[in-house]
Protein backbone atom coordinates (compact mmCIF):
# COMPACT_ATOMS: atom_id res chain seq x y z
CA UNK A 1 28.02 41.83 6.09
CA UNK A 2 25.39 39.35 7.22
CA UNK A 3 21.80 40.47 5.61
CA UNK A 4 18.23 39.49 7.21
CA UNK A 5 17.92 36.59 4.63
CA UNK A 6 21.63 35.21 5.47
CA UNK A 7 22.92 33.41 8.62
CA UNK A 8 26.45 32.93 9.92
CA UNK A 9 27.68 30.29 12.08
CA UNK A 10 29.72 30.02 15.28
CA UNK A 11 32.09 27.07 14.56
CA UNK A 12 33.59 28.95 11.94
CA UNK A 13 33.51 32.79 11.29
CA UNK A 14 33.94 32.66 7.58
CA UNK A 15 30.79 30.67 6.43
CA UNK A 16 27.57 32.39 5.27
CA UNK A 17 24.35 30.57 4.88
CA UNK A 18 21.47 31.83 2.87
CA UNK A 19 18.81 30.02 0.05
CA UNK A 20 20.18 32.54 -3.00
CA UNK A 21 21.59 29.45 -4.66
CA UNK A 22 19.72 29.91 -7.99
CA UNK A 23 17.88 27.57 -9.80
CA UNK A 24 18.07 24.14 -7.84
CA UNK A 25 15.90 21.37 -6.72
CA UNK A 26 16.52 18.74 -4.11
CA UNK A 27 14.19 16.06 -5.66
CA UNK A 28 15.78 15.08 -8.80
CA UNK A 29 15.54 11.79 -8.24
CA UNK A 30 11.61 12.02 -9.34
CA UNK A 31 13.10 12.52 -13.11
CA UNK A 32 13.51 8.73 -12.38
CA UNK A 33 9.69 7.97 -10.98
CA UNK A 34 8.57 10.14 -13.94
CA UNK A 35 10.75 8.13 -16.63
CA UNK A 36 8.71 5.16 -15.34
CA UNK A 37 5.37 6.99 -15.40
CA UNK A 38 5.88 7.65 -19.11
CA UNK A 39 6.79 3.94 -19.61
CA UNK A 40 3.81 1.94 -18.07
CA UNK A 41 1.45 4.89 -19.11
CA UNK A 42 0.67 6.06 -15.47
CA UNK A 43 -0.33 9.51 -15.88
CA UNK A 44 -2.05 9.14 -19.03
CA UNK A 45 -4.33 6.53 -17.53
CA UNK A 46 -5.45 8.80 -14.75
CA UNK A 47 -6.18 11.45 -17.09
CA UNK A 48 -8.26 8.85 -19.34
CA UNK A 49 -10.23 7.54 -16.52
CA UNK A 50 -10.98 10.37 -14.33
CA UNK A 51 -14.06 12.34 -15.09
CA UNK A 52 -15.14 14.84 -12.25
CA UNK A 53 -18.63 16.42 -12.09
CA UNK A 54 -17.29 20.10 -11.43
CA UNK A 55 -19.18 22.82 -13.70
CA UNK A 56 -15.97 25.25 -13.59
CA UNK A 57 -15.19 25.78 -17.40
CA UNK A 58 -12.03 27.80 -17.07
CA UNK A 59 -9.11 27.00 -14.65
CA UNK A 60 -5.19 27.01 -14.64
CA UNK A 61 -5.19 23.83 -13.30
CA UNK A 62 -6.95 20.60 -14.14
CA UNK A 63 -8.44 18.58 -11.69
CA UNK A 64 -6.53 15.61 -13.12
CA UNK A 65 -3.40 17.31 -13.07
CA UNK A 66 -3.95 18.26 -9.42
CA UNK A 67 -4.51 14.64 -8.32
CA UNK A 68 -0.93 13.65 -10.22
CA UNK A 69 0.71 16.35 -8.21
CA UNK A 70 -0.61 14.89 -4.97
CA UNK A 71 0.50 11.73 -6.14
CA UNK A 72 3.92 13.04 -7.00
CA UNK A 73 4.21 15.16 -3.77
CA UNK A 74 3.47 11.82 -1.96
CA UNK A 75 5.98 10.05 -3.32
CA UNK A 76 8.59 12.62 -2.56
CA UNK A 77 7.68 12.71 1.21
CA UNK A 78 5.32 15.86 1.06
CA UNK A 79 2.22 14.46 2.49
CA UNK A 80 0.36 17.76 3.59
CA UNK A 81 -1.27 20.07 1.25
CA UNK A 82 -0.01 23.25 2.61
CA UNK A 83 3.13 21.51 0.98
CA UNK A 84 2.06 22.69 -2.46
CA UNK A 85 2.47 26.12 -1.53
CA UNK A 86 6.00 25.93 -1.07
CA UNK A 87 6.85 23.28 -4.20
CA UNK A 88 4.71 25.86 -6.64
CA UNK A 89 8.05 27.26 -8.28
CA UNK A 90 10.27 24.11 -7.86
CA UNK A 91 11.62 23.82 -11.48
CA UNK A 92 11.40 19.58 -10.93
CA UNK A 93 8.63 19.53 -9.95
CA UNK A 94 7.22 21.57 -12.85
CA UNK A 95 9.20 19.56 -15.44
CA UNK A 96 7.81 16.21 -13.99
CA UNK A 97 4.42 17.60 -14.18
CA UNK A 98 4.64 19.42 -17.40
CA UNK A 99 3.47 22.72 -15.31
CA UNK A 100 4.68 26.58 -15.47
CA UNK A 101 3.35 26.75 -11.72
CA UNK A 102 2.17 24.32 -9.49
CA UNK A 103 -0.99 23.97 -7.93
CA UNK A 104 -1.79 26.02 -4.59
CA UNK A 105 -3.07 24.55 -1.13
CA UNK A 106 -6.44 26.57 -2.04
CA UNK A 107 -6.62 24.68 -5.55
CA UNK A 108 -6.10 21.33 -3.80
CA UNK A 109 -8.68 22.47 -1.38
CA UNK A 110 -11.32 22.88 -4.30
CA UNK A 111 -10.01 19.51 -5.29
CA UNK A 112 -11.22 17.80 -2.19
CA UNK A 113 -14.63 19.77 -2.35
CA UNK A 114 -15.71 18.81 -5.59
CA UNK A 115 -14.33 15.06 -5.26
CA UNK A 116 -17.20 11.95 -4.80
CA UNK A 117 -17.87 8.08 -4.69
CA UNK A 118 -17.75 8.08 -8.49
CA UNK A 119 -14.37 9.42 -8.64
CA UNK A 120 -12.93 6.90 -5.76
CA UNK A 121 -13.93 4.25 -8.05
CA UNK A 122 -12.57 5.81 -11.18
CA UNK A 123 -9.08 5.96 -9.03
CA UNK A 124 -9.57 1.93 -8.27
CA UNK A 125 -10.19 1.17 -11.65
CA UNK A 126 -7.05 3.16 -12.75
CA UNK A 127 -5.21 0.83 -10.30
CA UNK A 128 -7.08 -2.10 -11.74
CA UNK A 129 -5.70 -1.28 -15.26
CA UNK A 130 -2.19 -0.33 -14.31
CA UNK A 131 -2.15 -3.95 -12.24
CA UNK A 132 -2.95 -5.44 -15.44
CA UNK A 133 -0.59 -3.63 -17.56
CA UNK A 134 2.07 -5.07 -14.85
CA UNK A 135 1.13 -8.36 -15.24
CA UNK A 136 0.97 -8.49 -18.58
CA UNK A 137 4.54 -7.74 -18.73
CA UNK A 138 5.56 -9.97 -15.93
CA UNK A 139 3.00 -12.71 -15.51
CA UNK A 140 2.48 -14.03 -11.95
CA UNK A 141 3.02 -17.87 -10.72
CA UNK A 142 0.60 -16.70 -8.18
CA UNK A 143 -1.02 -14.41 -6.32
CA UNK A 144 -2.08 -14.43 -2.58
CA UNK A 145 -4.91 -12.38 -1.72
CA UNK A 146 -3.76 -10.91 1.87
CA UNK A 147 -6.81 -8.92 3.47
CA UNK A 148 -6.84 -6.84 6.39
CA UNK A 149 -7.68 -3.26 8.21
CA UNK A 150 -6.05 -0.87 10.03
CA UNK A 151 -6.36 2.45 11.45
CA UNK A 152 -5.97 5.79 10.19
CA UNK A 153 -6.00 9.01 12.49
CA UNK A 154 -8.55 11.44 12.35
CA UNK A 155 -8.25 15.39 13.47
CA UNK A 156 -11.17 16.69 15.21
CA UNK A 157 -14.58 16.16 14.24
CA UNK A 158 -14.34 14.40 10.92
CA UNK A 159 -16.77 12.84 9.11
CA UNK A 160 -17.32 9.03 9.67
CA UNK A 161 -14.51 9.34 12.06
CA UNK A 162 -15.84 7.42 15.35
CA UNK A 163 -14.00 5.09 18.11
CA UNK A 164 -12.38 2.09 17.27
CA UNK A 165 -11.93 -0.34 20.35
CA UNK A 166 -9.45 -2.48 18.71
CA UNK A 167 -7.27 0.45 18.03
CA UNK A 168 -8.38 2.51 21.24
CA UNK A 169 -8.50 5.67 19.08
CA UNK A 170 -10.49 7.77 17.30
CA UNK A 171 -10.47 7.69 13.71
CA UNK A 172 -11.17 5.68 10.48
CA UNK A 173 -10.97 1.87 9.40
CA UNK A 174 -10.09 0.91 5.73
CA UNK A 175 -9.96 -2.39 4.19
CA UNK A 176 -6.86 -3.25 2.65
CA UNK A 177 -5.81 -6.18 -0.11
CA UNK A 178 -2.00 -6.86 -0.70
CA UNK A 179 -0.82 -9.31 -3.15
CA UNK A 180 1.05 -11.00 -0.51
CA UNK A 181 3.64 -12.03 -3.19
CA UNK A 182 4.59 -8.67 -4.93
CA UNK A 183 3.52 -6.49 -1.90
CA UNK A 184 1.19 -4.64 -4.64
CA UNK A 185 -1.77 -2.68 -3.60
CA UNK A 186 -4.89 -4.50 -5.00
CA UNK A 187 -7.67 -2.72 -3.63
CA UNK A 188 -7.92 0.17 -0.59
CA UNK A 189 -11.56 1.50 0.84
CA UNK A 190 -11.92 3.73 3.42
CA UNK A 191 -14.55 2.89 6.17
CA UNK A 192 -16.25 4.32 9.05
CA UNK A 193 -13.91 4.48 12.57
CA UNK A 194 -16.39 2.29 14.32
CA UNK A 195 -17.29 -0.79 11.72
CA UNK A 196 -16.52 -4.04 12.42
CA UNK A 197 -13.61 -5.76 10.71
CA UNK A 198 -15.46 -7.89 8.09
CA UNK A 199 -18.26 -5.07 7.36
CA UNK A 200 -18.12 -4.77 3.70
CA UNK A 201 -15.22 -7.35 3.17
CA UNK A 202 -17.46 -9.31 0.86
CA UNK A 203 -18.56 -6.61 -1.26
CA UNK A 204 -15.20 -5.47 -1.09
CA UNK A 205 -13.54 -8.72 -2.24
CA UNK A 206 -16.12 -9.72 -4.62
CA UNK A 207 -15.06 -7.98 -7.68
CA UNK A 208 -11.65 -8.73 -7.60
CA UNK A 209 -12.24 -12.47 -6.91
CA UNK A 210 -14.49 -12.35 -10.36
CA UNK A 211 -11.73 -10.55 -12.08
CA UNK A 212 -8.73 -12.40 -11.26
CA UNK A 213 -10.59 -15.95 -11.49
CA UNK A 214 -11.25 -15.32 -14.96
CA UNK A 215 -8.04 -13.98 -16.13
CA UNK A 216 -5.67 -16.46 -13.99
CA UNK A 217 -7.14 -19.31 -14.73
CA UNK A 218 -3.78 -21.39 -14.34
CA UNK A 219 -2.26 -20.26 -11.49
CA UNK A 220 -2.69 -20.64 -7.95
CA UNK A 221 -4.96 -17.81 -6.23
CA UNK A 222 -5.46 -17.82 -2.44
CA UNK A 223 -6.73 -15.51 0.15
CA UNK A 224 -5.31 -15.17 3.66
CA UNK A 225 -7.06 -13.07 6.39
CA UNK A 226 -7.20 -13.53 10.49
CA UNK A 227 -9.95 -14.45 12.45
CA UNK A 228 -11.76 -10.94 12.07
CA UNK A 229 -12.98 -11.81 8.63
CA UNK A 230 -13.92 -15.47 9.48
CA UNK A 231 -17.17 -15.39 7.87
CA UNK A 232 -19.44 -17.78 6.09
CA UNK A 233 -19.72 -14.94 3.28
CA UNK A 234 -16.34 -14.81 2.81
CA UNK A 235 -15.54 -18.42 2.62
CA UNK A 236 -18.37 -18.91 0.09
CA UNK A 237 -17.31 -16.13 -1.96
CA UNK A 238 -13.70 -17.85 -2.37
CA UNK A 239 -15.10 -21.31 -2.93
CA UNK A 240 -17.58 -20.01 -5.47
CA UNK A 241 -14.56 -18.18 -8.03
CA UNK A 242 -12.36 -21.30 -7.03
CA UNK A 243 -10.34 -19.37 -4.91
CA UNK A 244 -8.47 -21.38 -2.07
CA UNK A 245 -8.27 -19.67 1.42
CA UNK A 246 -6.87 -19.90 5.08
CA UNK A 247 -8.42 -17.78 7.52
CA UNK A 248 -8.10 -17.90 11.24
CA UNK A 249 -10.80 -19.13 13.41
CA UNK A 250 -11.44 -17.38 16.97
CA UNK A 251 -11.11 -20.42 19.48
CA UNK A 252 -14.54 -21.69 21.17
CA UNK A 253 -15.60 -24.66 23.31
CA UNK A 254 -16.46 -26.90 20.38
CA UNK A 255 -12.73 -26.39 18.42
CA UNK A 256 -11.26 -27.01 21.60
CA UNK A 257 -13.49 -30.27 22.40
CA UNK A 258 -12.58 -31.50 18.61
CA UNK A 259 -8.68 -30.81 19.17
CA UNK A 260 -8.93 -32.83 22.34
CA UNK A 261 -7.58 -35.91 21.07
CA UNK A 262 -4.42 -34.21 19.34
CA UNK A 263 -3.64 -32.55 22.83
CA UNK A 264 -4.06 -36.35 24.73
CA UNK A 265 -1.24 -37.62 22.05
CA UNK A 266 0.76 -34.62 22.37
CA UNK A 267 0.79 -35.42 25.99
CA UNK A 268 1.35 -39.17 25.57
CA UNK A 269 4.66 -38.64 23.57
CA UNK A 270 6.37 -35.72 24.85
CA UNK A 271 8.37 -34.80 27.89
CA UNK A 272 6.66 -31.95 29.91
CA UNK A 273 9.94 -29.91 30.14
CA UNK A 274 10.45 -29.77 26.54
CA UNK A 275 8.83 -27.37 24.07
CA UNK A 276 5.83 -29.04 22.32
CA UNK A 277 4.02 -28.77 19.12
CA UNK A 278 1.57 -31.14 17.33
CA UNK A 279 -0.18 -30.32 14.11
CA UNK A 280 -3.85 -31.99 13.30
CA UNK A 281 -6.97 -31.22 11.32
CA UNK A 282 -10.84 -32.23 11.55
CA UNK A 283 -14.31 -30.97 9.66
CA UNK A 284 -16.00 -28.46 11.51
CA UNK A 285 -19.23 -26.92 10.99
CA UNK A 286 -20.51 -23.62 12.72
CA UNK A 287 -23.94 -22.95 13.51
CA UNK A 288 -23.82 -20.18 10.75
CA UNK A 289 -22.24 -22.36 8.05
CA UNK A 290 -23.98 -24.06 5.33
CA UNK A 291 -21.62 -26.72 5.18
CA UNK A 292 -18.52 -28.40 7.24
CA UNK A 293 -15.39 -27.45 6.21
CA UNK A 294 -11.42 -28.38 6.83
CA UNK A 295 -10.45 -26.87 9.88
CA UNK A 296 -6.19 -27.54 10.90
CA UNK A 297 -4.87 -27.03 14.08
CA UNK A 298 -1.67 -26.25 15.83
CA UNK A 299 -1.43 -26.78 19.59
CA UNK A 300 2.04 -25.75 21.27
CA UNK A 301 3.02 -25.79 24.67
CA UNK A 302 6.21 -23.58 24.93
CA UNK A 303 9.21 -25.00 27.24
CA UNK A 304 8.70 -24.31 31.18
CA UNK A 305 5.03 -23.33 30.73
CA UNK A 306 1.64 -25.29 31.49
CA UNK A 307 -0.63 -23.33 29.21
CA UNK A 308 -1.58 -24.82 25.70
CA UNK A 309 -1.58 -22.36 22.98
CA UNK A 310 -4.40 -23.32 19.97
CA UNK A 311 -4.08 -21.91 16.82
CA UNK A 312 -7.38 -22.81 14.38
CA UNK A 313 -7.48 -22.11 10.86
CA UNK A 314 -10.55 -22.88 8.41
CA UNK A 315 -9.26 -23.74 4.96
CA UNK A 316 -9.99 -24.34 1.41
CA UNK A 317 -6.58 -25.85 0.42
CA UNK A 318 -6.38 -29.51 -0.27
CA UNK A 319 -2.76 -30.17 -1.21
CA UNK A 320 -1.40 -29.07 1.90
CA UNK A 321 -0.58 -30.83 5.14
CA UNK A 322 -1.60 -28.94 8.37
CA UNK A 323 1.71 -28.01 9.13
CA UNK A 324 2.61 -26.23 5.82
CA UNK A 325 -0.93 -24.62 6.07
CA UNK A 326 -0.28 -23.25 9.24
CA UNK A 327 3.19 -22.14 8.01
CA UNK A 328 1.48 -20.37 4.85
CA UNK A 329 -0.82 -18.65 6.97
CA UNK A 330 1.82 -17.26 9.46
CA UNK A 331 3.46 -16.02 6.28
CA UNK A 332 0.66 -13.32 6.15
CA UNK A 333 3.02 -11.13 8.47
CA UNK A 334 4.56 -9.60 5.47
CA UNK A 335 1.60 -7.85 5.10
CA UNK A 336 2.15 -5.93 8.57
CA UNK A 337 5.27 -4.39 6.74
CA UNK A 338 3.12 -3.36 3.26
CA UNK A 339 0.90 -1.47 5.71
CA UNK A 340 3.59 0.02 7.82
CA UNK A 341 5.55 0.97 4.32
CA UNK A 342 2.07 2.47 3.30
CA UNK A 343 1.48 4.15 6.76
CA UNK A 344 5.00 5.62 7.28
CA UNK A 345 6.23 6.38 3.81
CA UNK A 346 2.54 7.39 2.06
CA UNK A 347 0.70 8.70 5.11
CA UNK A 348 -1.92 6.02 4.81
CA UNK A 349 -2.70 6.21 8.47
CA UNK A 350 -2.93 10.34 8.33
CA UNK A 351 -6.39 11.85 7.02
CA UNK A 352 -6.87 15.51 7.46
CA UNK A 353 -9.74 16.45 5.42
CA UNK A 354 -13.05 16.83 6.99
CA UNK A 355 -15.03 15.44 4.39
CA UNK A 356 -15.11 11.75 4.07
CA UNK A 357 -15.35 11.50 0.35
CA UNK A 358 -12.14 13.69 0.40
CA UNK A 359 -10.44 11.43 2.35
CA UNK A 360 -11.97 8.20 0.59
CA UNK A 361 -10.07 9.67 -2.72
CA UNK A 362 -6.94 10.60 -0.63
CA UNK A 363 -6.60 7.30 0.19
CA UNK A 364 -6.76 5.97 -3.62
CA UNK A 365 -4.14 8.60 -4.61
CA UNK A 366 -1.93 7.44 -1.49
CA UNK A 367 -2.43 3.68 -3.15
CA UNK A 368 -1.12 4.74 -6.69
CA UNK A 369 1.51 6.48 -5.05
CA UNK A 370 2.31 3.48 -3.14
CA UNK A 371 2.19 1.10 -6.24
CA UNK A 372 4.22 3.34 -8.54
CA UNK A 373 7.34 3.11 -6.14
CA UNK A 374 6.42 -0.72 -5.79
CA UNK A 375 6.38 -1.32 -9.38
CA UNK A 376 9.51 0.75 -9.99
CA UNK A 377 11.12 -1.26 -7.38
CA UNK A 378 10.43 -4.66 -8.07
CA UNK A 379 10.93 -3.99 -11.90
CA UNK A 380 13.92 -1.86 -11.99
CA UNK A 381 15.69 -1.83 -9.18
CA UNK A 382 18.98 -3.72 -8.97
CA UNK A 383 18.40 -7.49 -7.18
CA UNK A 384 20.30 -5.82 -4.08
CA UNK A 385 18.14 -3.05 -3.76
CA UNK A 386 14.74 -4.33 -4.66
CA UNK A 387 14.15 -4.59 -0.46
CA UNK A 388 14.72 -0.93 -0.06
CA UNK A 389 11.29 0.85 1.36
CA UNK A 390 10.30 4.23 0.29
CA UNK A 391 12.87 5.79 3.07
CA UNK A 392 15.74 4.32 1.79
CA UNK A 393 14.54 5.06 -1.86
CA UNK A 394 14.02 8.41 -0.96
CA UNK A 395 17.31 9.23 0.88
CA UNK A 396 19.43 7.20 -1.96
CA UNK A 397 17.56 8.14 -5.16
CA UNK A 398 14.73 11.33 -4.82
CA UNK A 399 16.48 13.35 -2.79
CA UNK A 400 19.24 14.51 -4.62
CA UNK A 401 20.21 18.01 -5.31
CA UNK A 402 20.64 19.51 -8.53
CA UNK A 403 21.32 22.46 -10.25
CA UNK A 404 19.02 23.47 -13.29
CA UNK A 405 20.56 25.20 -16.21
CA UNK A 406 18.31 25.95 -19.41
CA UNK A 407 19.79 26.43 -22.99
CA UNK A 408 17.86 27.26 -26.27
CA UNK A 409 17.60 23.69 -26.76
CA UNK A 410 18.08 21.36 -23.56
CA UNK A 411 17.52 21.32 -19.97
CA UNK A 412 20.53 20.23 -18.45
CA UNK A 413 19.77 18.90 -14.78
CA UNK A 414 23.31 18.68 -13.00
CA UNK A 415 23.19 16.39 -10.02
CA UNK A 416 25.59 16.54 -7.11
CA UNK A 417 28.89 15.33 -8.13
CA UNK A 418 29.28 13.80 -4.47
CA UNK A 419 25.90 11.63 -4.74
CA UNK A 420 27.28 8.39 -3.18
CA UNK A 421 24.38 6.65 -5.53
CA UNK A 422 25.37 7.83 -9.54
CA UNK A 423 25.81 3.88 -10.35
CA UNK A 424 22.11 3.04 -8.75
CA UNK A 425 20.67 6.03 -10.40
CA UNK A 426 21.91 5.51 -13.62
CA UNK A 427 21.46 1.64 -13.60
CA UNK A 428 17.50 2.22 -12.65
CA UNK A 429 17.19 4.86 -15.54
CA UNK A 430 18.81 2.30 -18.09
CA UNK A 431 16.48 -0.60 -16.39
CA UNK A 432 13.44 1.60 -16.82
CA UNK A 433 14.25 2.81 -20.75
CA UNK A 434 14.78 -1.30 -21.46
CA UNK A 435 11.43 -2.09 -20.24
CA UNK A 436 9.47 -2.24 -23.44
CA UNK A 437 6.16 -1.13 -22.29
CA UNK A 438 5.80 1.33 -25.13
């Protein structure tokens, strides 16, 4: 007999489907993330740093716990606040978050209504503190500050949302700074949708440059950015902290004039039917600059075309040739993959709260979820899996079904016997437990 809560299928008459399987979870791989969290002190750092201006003195869920719940939901792919209602009684999430029952969507909404700018700065500080731990464990050989902005979708009339001409859409226009070597997200900050690319960028990078130029005096530090960040304030900030840089310039008549001798040389030495490329450099001082700076140029004429493509890069790098600097700058394209990972995997591009500060804090929580995964992946995954994106990681390791059996002494997570990634699961777990953070 088929009941209301049970379904049958047409392709085989003796099959019945229902959701009465008992105490099961579909996200047992989060146990790995919790073990890594415990090793690096991730949750404890959040609880140590966050302080809320909230006068509620009785609650079932502390605000810090709700922040952690959002981070773990985001990691598992549950990005909407409403997903919390479906996960409240999930035994795996209860175990990972050490809660008898999870916070509901209204509780998350109350958190969104009480967060402020200070909480956003606290979450940034949590990220810096955890980055310090990671760098102490695995010292970097160099740090490349890849700076960029991106677009975030908004819905309806959200404070700070505005039309952005570059993205041709309404939304926000946040700043992001990644480590181009590791993919770690060093800093993120939400901005209104209509601000220009470089608005607030000097203030954004200043504390980072000050911190890391003191902390890492013996390794190369370099800033890469596109032409939207080609401003004197950014050059001066980098030079003040002894950080080299490679920043693309927008072409103008003066730059074309200075590159004219290279173009003439290119035409003399090349066949017009072939692809033509030449590199060079010169000193240049724009009207708003306080001094002249080194500019490298690449001039390229594709085969069969009459138009020349010019690339101008202002740089403080002294020990590389123009060709090497252009190649180094072009490698910042990997940052686009980091941004895609954040948007597609951790919902960076979607800000659903009506209040600006709620969205600013959500971006920081997304950043922490992104970094938790990125640190785990590069420190504990086998080399063959270190390039896996979060979508692949969810498929291989997080979305594993398990039956939960509780006895007087233990809680058993009996993972799916047919899981094809058993060896990877246990290898990652062994690597986590061998880290030696605690």
